[in-house]
Amino acid sequence: MAATLDEEYVNVPEAAERLGVSASTIWRWIDRGRLPAYRVGPRNVRLKVVDVAACVTPARPRTPHHMGVILSNEADVRRPMSEEERAQMRDALRLADEAREALRIRLAGQELPPAYVVINESRDARTRQLMGEE
Protein backbone atom coordinates (compact mmCIF):
# COMPACT_ATOMS: atom_id res chain seq x y z
CA MET A 1 0.00 0.00 0.00
CA ALA A 2 2.89 2.39 0.70
CA ALA A 3 4.13 1.97 -2.87
CA THR A 4 0.70 2.99 -4.19
CA LEU A 5 0.62 6.11 -2.02
CA ASP A 6 4.12 7.07 -3.09
CA GLU A 7 3.12 6.79 -6.75
CA GLU A 8 -0.09 8.80 -6.32
CA TYR A 9 1.21 11.66 -4.12
CA VAL A 10 4.17 14.04 -4.15
CA ASN A 11 5.39 16.59 -1.64
CA VAL A 12 5.58 20.32 -2.38
CA PRO A 13 9.24 20.39 -3.56
CA GLU A 14 8.60 17.42 -5.88
CA ALA A 15 5.51 19.10 -7.33
CA ALA A 16 7.49 22.30 -7.87
CA GLU A 17 10.24 20.40 -9.65
CA ARG A 18 7.75 18.58 -11.90
CA LEU A 19 6.11 21.88 -12.93
CA GLY A 20 9.32 23.89 -13.14
CA VAL A 21 8.16 26.47 -10.58
CA SER A 22 9.32 27.35 -7.08
CA ALA A 23 7.96 25.72 -3.96
CA SER A 24 6.57 29.10 -2.90
CA THR A 25 4.47 29.15 -6.07
CA ILE A 26 3.05 25.74 -5.17
CA TRP A 27 2.25 27.00 -1.65
CA ARG A 28 0.56 30.10 -3.13
CA TRP A 29 -1.55 27.91 -5.42
CA ILE A 30 -2.53 25.76 -2.43
CA ASP A 31 -3.46 28.87 -0.38
CA ARG A 32 -5.58 30.24 -3.23
CA GLY A 33 -7.37 26.93 -3.72
CA ARG A 34 -5.99 26.37 -7.20
CA LEU A 35 -4.18 23.20 -6.16
CA PRO A 36 -5.74 20.80 -3.62
CA ALA A 37 -3.39 19.55 -0.91
CA TYR A 38 -3.71 16.87 1.75
CA ARG A 39 -2.23 16.70 5.25
CA VAL A 40 -0.38 13.53 6.17
CA GLY A 41 0.12 13.83 9.90
CA PRO A 42 0.58 17.17 11.61
CA ARG A 43 3.44 18.54 9.48
CA ASN A 44 3.48 16.86 6.06
CA VAL A 45 1.53 18.05 3.02
CA ARG A 46 1.09 15.95 -0.10
CA LEU A 47 -0.42 16.63 -3.50
CA LYS A 48 -2.00 14.14 -5.86
CA VAL A 49 0.07 13.64 -8.99
CA VAL A 50 -3.09 13.98 -11.13
CA ASP A 51 -3.89 17.34 -9.48
CA VAL A 52 -0.33 18.55 -10.15
CA ALA A 53 -0.62 17.42 -13.78
CA ALA A 54 -3.96 19.25 -14.08
CA CYS A 55 -2.12 22.54 -13.45
CA VAL A 56 -0.62 22.22 -16.92
CA THR A 57 -3.17 23.62 -19.37
CA PRO A 58 -2.89 25.03 -22.90
CA ALA A 59 -2.06 28.74 -22.98
CA ARG A 60 -4.58 29.17 -25.80
CA PRO A 61 -7.52 27.03 -26.82
CA ARG A 62 -6.92 24.86 -29.86
CA THR A 63 -9.12 26.32 -32.58
CA PRO A 64 -8.81 26.41 -36.37
CA HIS A 65 -7.78 29.86 -37.57
CA HIS A 66 -8.72 29.63 -41.20
CA MET A 67 -11.41 31.18 -43.34
CA GLY A 68 -14.47 29.12 -44.03
CA VAL A 69 -15.15 28.12 -40.44
CA ILE A 70 -17.34 30.16 -38.12
CA LEU A 71 -18.52 29.71 -34.57
CA SER A 72 -22.12 28.62 -34.19
CA ASN A 73 -24.25 29.94 -31.34
CA GLU A 74 -25.30 26.42 -30.46
CA ALA A 75 -23.06 24.59 -27.98
CA ASP A 76 -19.86 26.27 -29.23
CA VAL A 77 -19.70 24.01 -32.30
CA ARG A 78 -17.58 24.99 -35.29
CA ARG A 79 -19.09 24.48 -38.68
CA PRO A 80 -18.37 25.45 -42.29
CA MET A 81 -19.94 28.68 -43.52
CA SER A 82 -23.12 28.32 -45.50
CA GLU A 83 -23.30 29.59 -49.08
CA GLU A 84 -25.50 32.46 -47.87
CA GLU A 85 -22.90 33.47 -45.28
CA ARG A 86 -20.17 33.34 -47.92
CA ALA A 87 -22.27 35.59 -50.17
CA GLN A 88 -22.74 38.05 -47.29
CA MET A 89 -18.99 38.09 -46.70
CA ARG A 90 -18.29 38.71 -50.39
CA ASP A 91 -20.82 41.58 -50.39
CA ALA A 92 -19.19 43.15 -47.32
CA LEU A 93 -15.75 42.92 -48.92
CA ARG A 94 -17.07 44.42 -52.15
CA LEU A 95 -18.62 47.34 -50.23
CA ALA A 96 -15.35 47.91 -48.38
CA ASP A 97 -13.44 47.94 -51.68
CA GLU A 98 -15.95 50.43 -53.14
CA ALA A 99 -15.63 52.70 -50.09
CA ARG A 100 -11.84 52.61 -50.34
CA GLU A 101 -11.97 53.44 -54.06
CA ALA A 102 -14.40 56.31 -53.42
CA LEU A 103 -12.04 57.69 -50.77
CA ARG A 104 -9.08 57.38 -53.15
CA ILE A 105 -11.00 59.31 -55.84
CA ARG A 106 -12.06 61.96 -53.30
CA LEU A 107 -8.43 62.41 -52.29
CA ALA A 108 -7.54 62.82 -55.98
CA GLY A 109 -5.23 59.83 -56.11
CA GLN A 110 -3.23 60.77 -53.02
CA GLU A 111 -1.82 57.99 -50.91
CA LEU A 112 -4.29 57.02 -48.20
CA PRO A 113 -3.13 57.90 -44.70
CA PRO A 114 -2.78 55.10 -42.14
CA ALA A 115 -5.99 54.27 -40.27
CA TYR A 116 -4.71 55.67 -36.97
CA VAL A 117 -4.16 59.10 -38.61
CA VAL A 118 -7.75 59.16 -39.86
CA ILE A 119 -9.05 58.09 -36.45
CA ASN A 120 -6.97 60.71 -34.62
CA GLU A 121 -8.07 63.46 -37.01
CA SER A 122 -11.73 62.46 -36.61
CA ARG A 123 -11.40 62.41 -32.83
CA ASP A 124 -9.69 65.82 -32.78
CA ALA A 125 -12.35 67.31 -35.05
CA ARG A 126 -15.10 65.92 -32.82
CA THR A 127 -13.38 67.32 -29.73
CA ARG A 128 -13.10 70.78 -31.34
CA GLN A 129 -16.78 70.60 -32.30
CA LEU A 130 -17.84 69.69 -28.77
CA MET A 131 -15.67 72.46 -27.30
CA GLY A 132 -17.31 74.97 -29.63
CA GLU A 133 -14.12 75.75 -31.51
CA GLU A 134 -15.60 75.07 -34.92
C-alpha atoms as a PDB file:
ATOM      1  CA  MET A   1       0.000   0.000   0.000  1.00  0.00           C
ATOM      2  CA  ALA A   2       2.891   2.390   0.698  1.00  0.00           C
ATOM      3  CA  ALA A   3       4.132   1.971  -2.874  1.00  0.00           C
ATOM      4  CA  THR A   4       0.701   2.988  -4.194  1.00  0.00           C
ATOM      5  CA  LEU A   5       0.622   6.107  -2.015  1.00  0.00           C
ATOM      6  CA  ASP A   6       4.124   7.073  -3.091  1.00  0.00           C
ATOM      7  CA  GLU A   7       3.116   6.790  -6.751  1.00  0.00           C
ATOM      8  CA  GLU A   8      -0.089   8.802  -6.322  1.00  0.00           C
ATOM      9  CA  TYR A   9       1.211  11.655  -4.125  1.00  0.00           C
ATOM     10  CA  VAL A  10       4.173  14.045  -4.153  1.00  0.00           C
ATOM     11  CA  ASN A  11       5.391  16.592  -1.641  1.00  0.00           C
ATOM     12  CA  VAL A  12       5.579  20.323  -2.379  1.00  0.00           C
ATOM     13  CA  PRO A  13       9.237  20.393  -3.562  1.00  0.00           C
ATOM     14  CA  GLU A  14       8.605  17.419  -5.885  1.00  0.00           C
ATOM     15  CA  ALA A  15       5.512  19.096  -7.333  1.00  0.00           C
ATOM     16  CA  ALA A  16       7.493  22.299  -7.866  1.00  0.00           C
ATOM     17  CA  GLU A  17      10.235  20.397  -9.654  1.00  0.00           C
ATOM     18  CA  ARG A  18       7.750  18.583 -11.905  1.00  0.00           C
ATOM     19  CA  LEU A  19       6.114  21.875 -12.935  1.00  0.00           C
ATOM     20  CA  GLY A  20       9.316  23.893 -13.137  1.00  0.00           C
ATOM     21  CA  VAL A  21       8.155  26.466 -10.583  1.00  0.00           C
ATOM     22  CA  SER A  22       9.317  27.347  -7.083  1.00  0.00           C
ATOM     23  CA  ALA A  23       7.960  25.720  -3.958  1.00  0.00           C
ATOM     24  CA  SER A  24       6.570  29.103  -2.898  1.00  0.00           C
ATOM     25  CA  THR A  25       4.475  29.149  -6.067  1.00  0.00           C
ATOM     26  CA  ILE A  26       3.050  25.744  -5.167  1.00  0.00           C
ATOM     27  CA  TRP A  27       2.252  26.997  -1.652  1.00  0.00           C
ATOM     28  CA  ARG A  28       0.562  30.099  -3.128  1.00  0.00           C
ATOM     29  CA  TRP A  29      -1.554  27.907  -5.422  1.00  0.00           C
ATOM     30  CA  ILE A  30      -2.527  25.762  -2.426  1.00  0.00           C
ATOM     31  CA  ASP A  31      -3.457  28.867  -0.382  1.00  0.00           C
ATOM     32  CA  ARG A  32      -5.583  30.237  -3.231  1.00  0.00           C
ATOM     33  CA  GLY A  33      -7.374  26.928  -3.717  1.00  0.00           C
ATOM     34  CA  ARG A  34      -5.985  26.372  -7.195  1.00  0.00           C
ATOM     35  CA  LEU A  35      -4.179  23.201  -6.155  1.00  0.00           C
ATOM     36  CA  PRO A  36      -5.738  20.801  -3.622  1.00  0.00           C
ATOM     37  CA  ALA A  37      -3.386  19.554  -0.908  1.00  0.00           C
ATOM     38  CA  TYR A  38      -3.712  16.870   1.752  1.00  0.00           C
ATOM     39  CA  ARG A  39      -2.232  16.696   5.246  1.00  0.00           C
ATOM     40  CA  VAL A  40      -0.383  13.534   6.169  1.00  0.00           C
ATOM     41  CA  GLY A  41       0.123  13.833   9.896  1.00  0.00           C
ATOM     42  CA  PRO A  42       0.575  17.166  11.611  1.00  0.00           C
ATOM     43  CA  ARG A  43       3.442  18.541   9.479  1.00  0.00           C
ATOM     44  CA  ASN A  44       3.476  16.859   6.063  1.00  0.00           C
ATOM     45  CA  VAL A  45       1.534  18.050   3.025  1.00  0.00           C
ATOM     46  CA  ARG A  46       1.089  15.948  -0.098  1.00  0.00           C
ATOM     47  CA  LEU A  47      -0.422  16.628  -3.502  1.00  0.00           C
ATOM     48  CA  LYS A  48      -2.004  14.144  -5.862  1.00  0.00           C
ATOM     49  CA  VAL A  49       0.068  13.645  -8.993  1.00  0.00           C
ATOM     50  CA  VAL A  50      -3.085  13.981 -11.127  1.00  0.00           C
ATOM     51  CA  ASP A  51      -3.885  17.343  -9.478  1.00  0.00           C
ATOM     52  CA  VAL A  52      -0.332  18.547 -10.147  1.00  0.00           C
ATOM     53  CA  ALA A  53      -0.622  17.415 -13.782  1.00  0.00           C
ATOM     54  CA  ALA A  54      -3.956  19.249 -14.083  1.00  0.00           C
ATOM     55  CA  CYS A  55      -2.117  22.538 -13.453  1.00  0.00           C
ATOM     56  CA  VAL A  56      -0.618  22.218 -16.919  1.00  0.00           C
ATOM     57  CA  THR A  57      -3.165  23.620 -19.374  1.00  0.00           C
ATOM     58  CA  PRO A  58      -2.890  25.033 -22.901  1.00  0.00           C
ATOM     59  CA  ALA A  59      -2.060  28.735 -22.982  1.00  0.00           C
ATOM     60  CA  ARG A  60      -4.581  29.171 -25.800  1.00  0.00           C
ATOM     61  CA  PRO A  61      -7.520  27.032 -26.818  1.00  0.00           C
ATOM     62  CA  ARG A  62      -6.922  24.861 -29.859  1.00  0.00           C
ATOM     63  CA  THR A  63      -9.115  26.320 -32.584  1.00  0.00           C
ATOM     64  CA  PRO A  64      -8.813  26.406 -36.366  1.00  0.00           C
ATOM     65  CA  HIS A  65      -7.781  29.865 -37.567  1.00  0.00           C
ATOM     66  CA  HIS A  66      -8.722  29.634 -41.197  1.00  0.00           C
ATOM     67  CA  MET A  67     -11.414  31.181 -43.337  1.00  0.00           C
ATOM     68  CA  GLY A  68     -14.468  29.119 -44.029  1.00  0.00           C
ATOM     69  CA  VAL A  69     -15.148  28.118 -40.438  1.00  0.00           C
ATOM     70  CA  ILE A  70     -17.343  30.164 -38.123  1.00  0.00           C
ATOM     71  CA  LEU A  71     -18.522  29.714 -34.572  1.00  0.00           C
ATOM     72  CA  SER A  72     -22.123  28.622 -34.188  1.00  0.00           C
ATOM     73  CA  ASN A  73     -24.246  29.941 -31.343  1.00  0.00           C
ATOM     74  CA  GLU A  74     -25.303  26.417 -30.465  1.00  0.00           C
ATOM     75  CA  ALA A  75     -23.060  24.591 -27.980  1.00  0.00           C
ATOM     76  CA  ASP A  76     -19.856  26.270 -29.228  1.00  0.00           C
ATOM     77  CA  VAL A  77     -19.697  24.012 -32.295  1.00  0.00           C
ATOM     78  CA  ARG A  78     -17.578  24.986 -35.288  1.00  0.00           C
ATOM     79  CA  ARG A  79     -19.087  24.476 -38.680  1.00  0.00           C
ATOM     80  CA  PRO A  80     -18.370  25.445 -42.290  1.00  0.00           C
ATOM     81  CA  MET A  81     -19.938  28.683 -43.516  1.00  0.00           C
ATOM     82  CA  SER A  82     -23.125  28.317 -45.503  1.00  0.00           C
ATOM     83  CA  GLU A  83     -23.299  29.587 -49.081  1.00  0.00           C
ATOM     84  CA  GLU A  84     -25.498  32.463 -47.871  1.00  0.00           C
ATOM     85  CA  GLU A  85     -22.900  33.468 -45.275  1.00  0.00           C
ATOM     86  CA  ARG A  86     -20.168  33.340 -47.921  1.00  0.00           C
ATOM     87  CA  ALA A  87     -22.268  35.591 -50.167  1.00  0.00           C
ATOM     88  CA  GLN A  88     -22.738  38.055 -47.286  1.00  0.00           C
ATOM     89  CA  MET A  89     -18.990  38.088 -46.700  1.00  0.00           C
ATOM     90  CA  ARG A  90     -18.289  38.715 -50.391  1.00  0.00           C
ATOM     91  CA  ASP A  91     -20.822  41.583 -50.390  1.00  0.00           C
ATOM     92  CA  ALA A  92     -19.187  43.153 -47.319  1.00  0.00           C
ATOM     93  CA  LEU A  93     -15.749  42.918 -48.918  1.00  0.00           C
ATOM     94  CA  ARG A  94     -17.074  44.415 -52.151  1.00  0.00           C
ATOM     95  CA  LEU A  95     -18.618  47.337 -50.231  1.00  0.00           C
ATOM     96  CA  ALA A  96     -15.347  47.910 -48.382  1.00  0.00           C
ATOM     97  CA  ASP A  97     -13.441  47.943 -51.684  1.00  0.00           C
ATOM     98  CA  GLU A  98     -15.952  50.428 -53.142  1.00  0.00           C
ATOM     99  CA  ALA A  99     -15.627  52.703 -50.090  1.00  0.00           C
ATOM    100  CA  ARG A 100     -11.836  52.614 -50.340  1.00  0.00           C
ATOM    101  CA  GLU A 101     -11.971  53.438 -54.061  1.00  0.00           C
ATOM    102  CA  ALA A 102     -14.403  56.314 -53.417  1.00  0.00           C
ATOM    103  CA  LEU A 103     -12.042  57.694 -50.769  1.00  0.00           C
ATOM    104  CA  ARG A 104      -9.084  57.379 -53.154  1.00  0.00           C
ATOM    105  CA  ILE A 105     -11.003  59.312 -55.836  1.00  0.00           C
ATOM    106  CA  ARG A 106     -12.057  61.958 -53.301  1.00  0.00           C
ATOM    107  CA  LEU A 107      -8.432  62.407 -52.293  1.00  0.00           C
ATOM    108  CA  ALA A 108      -7.544  62.825 -55.984  1.00  0.00           C
ATOM    109  CA  GLY A 109      -5.235  59.831 -56.110  1.00  0.00           C
ATOM    110  CA  GLN A 110      -3.232  60.771 -53.022  1.00  0.00           C
ATOM    111  CA  GLU A 111      -1.820  57.995 -50.907  1.00  0.00           C
ATOM    112  CA  LEU A 112      -4.286  57.025 -48.198  1.00  0.00           C
ATOM    113  CA  PRO A 113      -3.132  57.903 -44.699  1.00  0.00           C
ATOM    114  CA  PRO A 114      -2.782  55.104 -42.141  1.00  0.00           C
ATOM    115  CA  ALA A 115      -5.985  54.271 -40.268  1.00  0.00           C
ATOM    116  CA  TYR A 116      -4.706  55.670 -36.972  1.00  0.00           C
ATOM    117  CA  VAL A 117      -4.156  59.097 -38.607  1.00  0.00           C
ATOM    118  CA  VAL A 118      -7.752  59.162 -39.857  1.00  0.00           C
ATOM    119  CA  ILE A 119      -9.050  58.088 -36.446  1.00  0.00           C
ATOM    120  CA  ASN A 120      -6.967  60.708 -34.619  1.00  0.00           C
ATOM    121  CA  GLU A 121      -8.071  63.461 -37.013  1.00  0.00           C
ATOM    122  CA  SER A 122     -11.728  62.462 -36.613  1.00  0.00           C
ATOM    123  CA  ARG A 123     -11.396  62.405 -32.825  1.00  0.00           C
ATOM    124  CA  ASP A 124      -9.687  65.816 -32.784  1.00  0.00           C
ATOM    125  CA  ALA A 125     -12.348  67.313 -35.050  1.00  0.00           C
ATOM    126  CA  ARG A 126     -15.105  65.922 -32.817  1.00  0.00           C
ATOM    127  CA  THR A 127     -13.383  67.324 -29.726  1.00  0.00           C
ATOM    128  CA  ARG A 128     -13.105  70.784 -31.337  1.00  0.00           C
ATOM    129  CA  GLN A 129     -16.777  70.601 -32.297  1.00  0.00           C
ATOM    130  CA  LEU A 130     -17.838  69.686 -28.772  1.00  0.00           C
ATOM    131  CA  MET A 131     -15.668  72.455 -27.302  1.00  0.00           C
ATOM    132  CA  GLY A 132     -17.309  74.966 -29.631  1.00  0.00           C
ATOM    133  CA  GLU A 133     -14.115  75.746 -31.510  1.00  0.00           C
ATOM    134  CA  GLU A 134     -15.605  75.073 -34.923  1.00  0.00           C
END
